Protein backbone atom coordinates (compact mmCIF):
# COMPACT_ATOMS: atom_id res chain seq x y z
CA MET A 1 0.05 -0.15 -0.07
CA THR A 2 1.12 3.56 -0.82
CA LEU A 3 1.22 5.57 2.20
CA LEU A 4 -1.65 8.37 2.32
CA ARG A 5 -0.13 12.11 1.64
CA GLY A 6 -1.59 15.56 1.17
CA ALA A 7 -5.31 15.76 0.08
CA GLU A 8 -5.70 12.08 -0.01
CA LEU A 9 -4.60 11.87 3.69
CA ALA A 10 -6.92 14.92 4.73
CA ALA A 11 -9.90 13.19 3.06
CA ALA A 12 -9.31 9.89 4.95
CA PHE A 13 -9.25 12.02 8.07
CA ASP A 14 -12.55 13.97 6.97
CA ARG A 15 -14.26 10.35 6.78
CA GLY A 16 -12.93 8.97 9.94
CA ALA A 17 -13.80 12.17 11.92
CA PRO A 18 -17.36 11.21 13.12
CA ALA A 19 -15.98 8.07 14.68
CA TYR A 20 -12.12 9.31 15.65
CA ASP A 21 -13.29 10.32 19.17
CA ARG A 22 -14.96 7.11 20.04
CA LEU A 23 -12.32 5.07 18.68
CA VAL A 24 -9.34 6.90 20.62
CA ALA A 25 -11.56 6.26 23.79
CA LEU A 26 -11.04 2.62 23.33
CA ASN A 27 -7.37 2.88 23.63
CA PRO A 28 -6.21 2.52 27.17
CA GLY A 29 -4.26 5.47 28.23
CA TYR A 30 -4.59 7.32 25.18
CA HIS A 31 -5.57 10.67 26.73
CA GLY A 32 -3.21 10.12 29.74
CA GLN A 33 -0.19 9.51 27.66
CA LEU A 34 -1.12 12.68 25.75
CA ARG A 35 -0.99 14.50 28.94
CA ARG A 36 2.11 13.07 29.96
CA SER A 37 3.93 14.06 26.72
CA ALA A 38 2.40 17.53 27.38
CA ARG A 39 3.75 17.81 30.65
CA ARG A 40 7.30 17.01 29.45
CA LEU A 41 7.44 20.39 27.78
CA GLY A 42 8.30 21.45 31.13
CA LEU A 43 6.40 25.10 30.80
CA ALA A 44 6.07 26.63 34.32
CA ALA A 45 3.12 28.57 35.75
CA GLY A 46 0.48 26.92 33.97
CA GLY A 47 1.75 28.08 30.58
CA ALA A 48 0.90 31.80 31.74
CA GLY A 49 2.20 34.43 28.98
CA ARG A 50 3.14 31.55 26.69
CA ARG A 51 2.14 30.83 22.98
CA VAL A 52 1.57 27.04 22.34
CA LEU A 53 1.25 25.55 18.58
CA ASP A 54 -0.67 22.45 18.50
CA LEU A 55 0.49 20.69 15.40
CA GLY A 56 -1.98 18.39 13.83
CA CYS A 57 -4.68 19.17 16.71
CA GLY A 58 -7.34 16.70 14.77
CA THR A 59 -10.39 16.64 16.82
CA GLY A 60 -8.62 18.37 19.65
CA ALA A 61 -7.47 15.77 22.03
CA SER A 62 -4.11 17.18 22.06
CA THR A 63 -5.36 20.40 22.63
CA ALA A 64 -7.23 19.31 25.67
CA ALA A 65 -4.18 17.37 26.89
CA LEU A 66 -2.31 20.65 26.50
CA LEU A 67 -4.64 22.58 28.47
CA SER A 68 -5.20 20.11 31.16
CA VAL A 69 -1.25 20.81 31.67
CA LEU A 70 -1.14 24.47 30.61
CA PRO A 71 -4.55 26.12 31.37
CA ARG A 72 -3.13 29.81 31.26
CA ALA A 73 -1.42 29.39 27.72
CA GLU A 74 -2.56 30.89 24.49
CA VAL A 75 -3.13 27.55 22.08
CA VAL A 76 -3.30 27.54 18.55
CA GLY A 77 -4.26 24.17 16.70
CA ILE A 78 -3.65 23.63 12.98
CA ASP A 79 -4.98 20.83 11.09
CA ALA A 80 -5.28 19.92 7.26
CA SER A 81 -8.50 17.87 7.84
CA ALA A 82 -12.08 20.32 7.71
CA GLY A 83 -13.75 17.07 9.21
CA MET A 84 -11.32 16.79 12.35
CA LEU A 85 -11.36 20.42 12.81
CA GLU A 86 -15.27 20.76 12.75
CA ARG A 87 -15.49 18.10 15.50
CA ALA A 88 -12.62 20.11 17.43
CA ARG A 89 -14.47 23.39 17.16
CA ALA A 90 -17.71 22.00 18.06
CA LYS A 91 -16.33 21.45 21.67
CA HIS A 92 -16.12 24.22 24.51
CA TRP A 93 -12.72 25.82 24.75
CA PRO A 94 -11.59 29.01 26.40
CA PRO A 95 -11.19 32.32 24.49
CA ALA A 96 -7.36 31.54 24.33
CA VAL A 97 -7.76 28.67 21.99
CA THR A 98 -8.23 29.04 18.36
CA PHE A 99 -8.16 26.53 15.52
CA VAL A 100 -6.75 27.05 11.91
CA ARG A 101 -7.20 24.60 9.01
CA ALA A 102 -3.61 24.42 6.75
CA ALA A 103 -1.64 21.85 5.90
CA LEU A 104 1.71 21.52 7.75
CA GLU A 105 3.72 21.89 4.64
CA ASP A 106 2.39 25.38 4.62
CA LEU A 107 3.81 26.90 7.98
CA SER A 108 6.29 28.65 6.00
CA ALA A 109 3.82 30.57 4.07
CA GLY A 110 2.30 32.36 7.53
CA VAL A 111 -0.94 30.41 7.84
CA VAL A 112 0.07 30.68 11.55
CA LYS A 113 1.70 33.77 13.20
CA GLY A 114 4.81 33.25 15.31
CA PRO A 115 6.58 33.21 17.39
CA PHE A 116 5.52 30.36 19.75
CA ASP A 117 7.20 29.57 22.91
CA ALA A 118 6.52 25.72 22.37
CA VAL A 119 5.30 23.35 19.95
CA PHE A 120 3.38 20.05 20.48
CA ALA A 121 3.16 17.73 17.69
CA ALA A 122 0.96 14.37 18.39
CA TYR A 123 0.86 11.62 15.88
CA VAL A 124 1.66 14.07 13.18
CA PHE A 125 5.28 13.64 11.76
CA ARG A 126 4.48 10.21 10.33
CA ASN A 127 1.67 11.80 8.06
CA VAL A 128 3.97 14.46 6.45
CA ALA A 129 5.98 13.70 3.18
CA ASP A 130 8.89 15.89 4.15
CA PRO A 131 9.25 15.75 8.00
CA ASP A 132 12.78 17.43 7.80
CA ALA A 133 11.31 20.29 6.03
CA VAL A 134 8.36 20.50 8.53
CA LEU A 135 10.59 20.40 11.56
CA GLY A 136 12.77 23.28 9.89
CA MET A 137 9.66 25.28 9.59
CA VAL A 138 8.76 24.83 13.29
CA ARG A 139 12.20 25.81 14.49
CA GLN A 140 11.89 29.06 12.67
CA LEU A 141 8.33 29.42 14.29
CA LEU A 142 9.88 28.97 17.80
CA VAL A 143 11.26 31.72 19.92
CA PRO A 144 15.01 31.28 20.83
CA GLY A 145 14.85 28.60 23.63
CA GLY A 146 11.40 27.39 22.35
CA ARG A 147 10.64 23.80 23.30
CA ILE A 148 9.28 20.97 20.78
CA ALA A 149 7.52 17.92 22.32
CA VAL A 150 6.63 15.11 19.64
CA HIS A 151 4.39 12.35 20.58
CA ASP A 152 4.15 9.76 18.26
CA TYR A 153 4.31 5.86 17.49
CA ALA A 154 7.78 5.11 16.60
CA LEU A 155 9.39 1.72 17.47
CA SER A 156 12.36 1.35 19.66
CA GLY A 157 14.15 -0.98 17.01
CA ARG A 158 13.75 -4.25 19.17
CA ARG A 159 12.21 -7.01 17.72
CA ALA A 160 10.03 -7.62 21.00
CA ASP A 161 8.43 -4.21 20.20
CA ARG A 162 7.75 -4.83 16.81
CA VAL A 163 6.09 -8.16 17.64
CA VAL A 164 4.03 -6.32 20.29
CA TRP A 165 2.63 -3.44 18.01
CA ALA A 166 1.89 -6.07 15.33
CA ALA A 167 -0.12 -7.86 17.63
CA VAL A 168 -1.82 -5.17 18.98
CA TYR A 169 -2.59 -3.60 15.22
CA HIS A 170 -3.67 -6.52 13.70
CA SER A 171 -6.15 -7.88 16.94
CA VAL A 172 -7.17 -4.36 17.99
CA VAL A 173 -6.79 -1.40 15.67
CA LEU A 174 -7.67 -2.78 12.42
CA PRO A 175 -10.64 -4.48 13.48
CA LEU A 176 -11.96 -1.31 15.12
CA GLY A 177 -11.05 0.71 11.93
CA ALA A 178 -13.42 -1.63 9.60
CA LEU A 179 -16.02 -1.38 12.39
CA THR A 180 -16.14 2.38 12.18
CA GLY A 181 -15.74 2.41 8.21
CA ALA A 182 -12.11 3.98 8.60
CA ARG A 183 -9.97 0.92 7.33
CA ASP A 184 -7.95 2.86 4.94
CA LEU A 185 -7.00 5.27 7.71
CA HIS A 186 -5.93 2.60 10.02
CA ARG A 187 -4.11 0.60 7.27
CA HIS A 188 -2.30 3.68 6.59
CA LEU A 189 -1.40 3.93 10.32
CA TRP A 190 0.42 0.52 10.27
CA HIS A 191 2.28 1.60 6.96
CA SER A 192 3.44 4.95 8.41
CA VAL A 193 4.69 3.53 11.77
CA ASP A 194 6.69 0.89 9.54
CA ALA A 195 8.08 3.37 7.25
CA PHE A 196 8.75 6.19 10.02
CA GLY A 197 11.80 4.70 11.25
CA THR A 198 13.00 3.89 14.75
CA ALA A 199 12.55 6.28 17.77
CA PRO A 200 16.58 6.97 17.80
CA ALA A 201 16.56 7.59 14.08
CA PHE A 202 13.89 10.58 14.81
CA GLY A 203 15.88 11.75 17.63
CA ASP A 204 18.64 12.34 15.14
CA ARG A 205 16.44 13.88 12.83
CA LEU A 206 15.73 16.45 15.50
CA ARG A 207 19.16 17.35 15.79
CA ARG A 208 19.51 17.71 12.25
CA ALA A 209 16.98 20.34 11.98
CA GLY A 210 18.95 22.23 14.41
CA PHE A 211 17.47 21.22 17.86
CA ASP A 212 19.54 20.82 20.82
CA ARG A 213 18.84 19.03 24.42
CA VAL A 214 17.10 16.45 22.52
CA ARG A 215 15.83 13.63 24.45
CA VAL A 216 13.72 10.52 23.62
CA VAL A 217 11.69 9.16 26.22
CA PRO A 218 9.61 6.38 26.30
CA LEU A 219 5.77 6.09 27.33
CA PRO A 220 4.86 3.47 30.10
CA GLY A 221 2.53 0.55 30.05
CA TRP A 222 1.75 -1.40 26.68
CA GLN A 223 3.13 1.41 24.71
CA THR A 224 6.87 1.18 26.00
CA GLY A 225 9.10 0.70 23.09
CA ILE A 226 6.19 1.57 20.52
CA THR A 227 5.17 5.28 21.54
CA HIS A 228 7.88 7.99 22.66
CA THR A 229 7.96 11.61 23.62
CA PHE A 230 10.55 13.49 21.51
CA LEU A 231 12.12 16.47 23.36
CA GLY A 232 14.25 19.24 21.85
CA ARG A 233 14.69 23.09 21.97
CA ARG A 234 15.65 25.80 19.65
CA PRO A 235 19.14 26.81 20.68
CA VAL A 236 19.38 30.20 22.76
CA ARG A 237 22.05 31.28 20.64
CA GLU A 238 22.69 30.22 17.03
CA THR A 239 25.61 30.55 14.90
CA ASP A 240 24.93 28.49 12.36
CA ASP A 241 21.19 27.77 10.16
CA PRO A 242 20.69 24.25 9.39
CA SER A 243 17.98 25.07 6.71
């Protein structure tokens, strides 16, 4: 199967949007793990005076995770799927939350106005054709010293973790996708994880994009070795521009 990209992927998310929140609710720890990664951004004072970009916000699960940790922050959610954003906007949010429909590849075109103190990206970098280019754009949107937290499926590289992921996908994820009418989206999930590379490799990708203080931190529970938080910082002082 060819990976879904661009408008084709956005359309698949549009089709899957009505059932998306019900589906992720069946994933044990889904929302708790998002909150854990949001906390790992390490912003103090509930995010008071801070602007946070929620990259690939979907129906707003990652937005809610950010607000649970950073209730005083301004949060801007961006996503390419009109259907997912319709679900997000229908929920109740404080005035400091806004949503923008745009492809992440268009960040350099000024679809959102920086700078931001932090960027949170949950389950999104597997879905862009050129992750390096998007990371470069994200870095430019951050203030010097601004932080990034990427929360995503990325296997550790150990065979045991690949076996667990395959078992969970084939016994749980794919059948649920068929029941909810989002089989193409969930097949894409399988292939995108396989194509994404290992967790250490994405850590190296962050470093090549010009981030420092990069850390690759596993998440607990059954997702250990399967889902990670990737942390980095735009250097306070930069002598070279990797882009």
